[in-house]
Structures are given as structure tokens and as C-alpha cells.
Amino acid sequence: MAESTTPPGGPRRGVLFDVDGTLIDSSYIHTIAWWNAFRQYGHDVPMAAIHQLVGMGGARLVDTLLPDGRNRDEDEDIMASHGALYASHWPSLRTLDGAKDLLGQCHAGGLAVALASSARERDLQVMRSVLDADPFIDAATSANDAEESKPAPDILEAALEAVGVGAANAVYVGDAVWDMKAAGALGIPAIGLTCGGIQAAQLREAGAVEVFDGPRQLLQNLGSSAIGRLLALQPHR
């Protein structure tokens, strides 16, 4: 009989983090970039409508916001325009208060830490540089790692596989309705953060088990949170 690969103390446990709007203060930058990209192609889409969909994959966002009878040949151009406009704001990107400390505390507690982002690979590299927390990050995903974007759970599945953690032993932290729905599809408890601009009631309705203002408040309440319950199961803490 083959030996069990389960480590001492039980299976590996981990926390998956969305990045845009969760660890990096970028949700409204994405909103403005999409708004301008749409206007370049003759579509006047209200910013409020765009903001509600930030966190959803770009192709899904475009398809949801634009009319069915549009020239779909322009969709890729609109997404490319959004990417270029967002990139122009890279120098302005900032971490949300407590983000690096939160990653560090999860790592120090023995949990695997993965960034489960559907951002473009280059955007993710830039955001990781801004976070300056690579010693605490075990793996990271980008749009290249999933066939379907959020609310489909592909990105989360890729992140789980990258760190060798099962869905039953993970918690996900995100700021968007689509994060909550993606986690729910895998039965992963999801913690919602309102720092991306989505209201607590919306996050709870989408499946969040807890909601905090941002990374700092989650860190201050870590022991009593869903992440704290994972930490309590870790050996030799």
C-alpha cells in the first residue's frame, strides 16, 4: 500500500485572495478605464453599471453591458483599450491598508497563500510588485490559468491546485459579488471586503460568510474569522 501523502497535522490548508479591489485599491481605476474604452467605440455606459461588474472577466463584462446587436468584432479592441488605459495608471496603484500584513500573518500561521486573480499576467506582475509581499505568497494565478472567468470557479480551482489545497480546507477573500459566487460554486467559505466599493449586503447576498471593511479590519479580527478557524487547525502554532 502506498504511503499517505497527508502531512502531519492533517491536510494542507490555505487562503486564496483576489487582488484587484481586495489587496490593491484599483476597482475605480478599472471602472474609469472601462468607461473610457467604451466611449472610444461609441458606447456611453454609466460608471455605476460598470463598477458593479468589475471583478467579472473582461469578455463577460463587455457582453453584459453592451447591446446584443452591437458589432461584436470590436469587443476584443474594447478589451485591449481597457488594458492600455488601465496600464497608464500603474504608477498610481497602491496597496490597501493592512494587505501585506494580512498575507504575512496567514503565511506565519502555516497556511498556504495564493493570489487567485483573473487579471492579465502583466497587470498581476505589476500588482505583485506594488504589494511587495512575495515571501508570503506561495502561488498566483492570472487570466492565462482559466478557460472561464469569474463567476465561474476556474481561477480558484487553478489556485487550489497550485498550492495543493482542497476546497474543503480553503477560505477565499474577495471584494466582488463574482468572487463570492465563484467560491460558492466550490463550496469554499468566502470573506467579503467592502474596500472595492460593493456594499456588505450585496456581498452577503452573494454568499459571503463574513464581511469586513478591508484587509486591516480582517487582520484585526483574524482569530475569530473563517481564516482563524483554519489557523486553529494548524499544528505547532
Foldseek 3Di string as FASTA:
>chain_A
DDDDPADPLGHAFAEEEEQDLAFKPCLLLLLVLLCVLCVVVPHHFDSVLLSQCPQWDQLVSVVVGDDPPDDCVCSVVSVVSSVVSSVVCLVVMATDPQNLVLLVVLQVLRHAYEYLYQAAPVVVVSSCVRSVRVVSHQYYDYVVQAPHTFLAQRSVVSRCVSRVHAQVRYEYEEAHLRSLSNNVVRPHAYEHECSSPDDPVSNVVSPHPYYYPHNVRCVVVVCVDPSVVSSVSDPPD
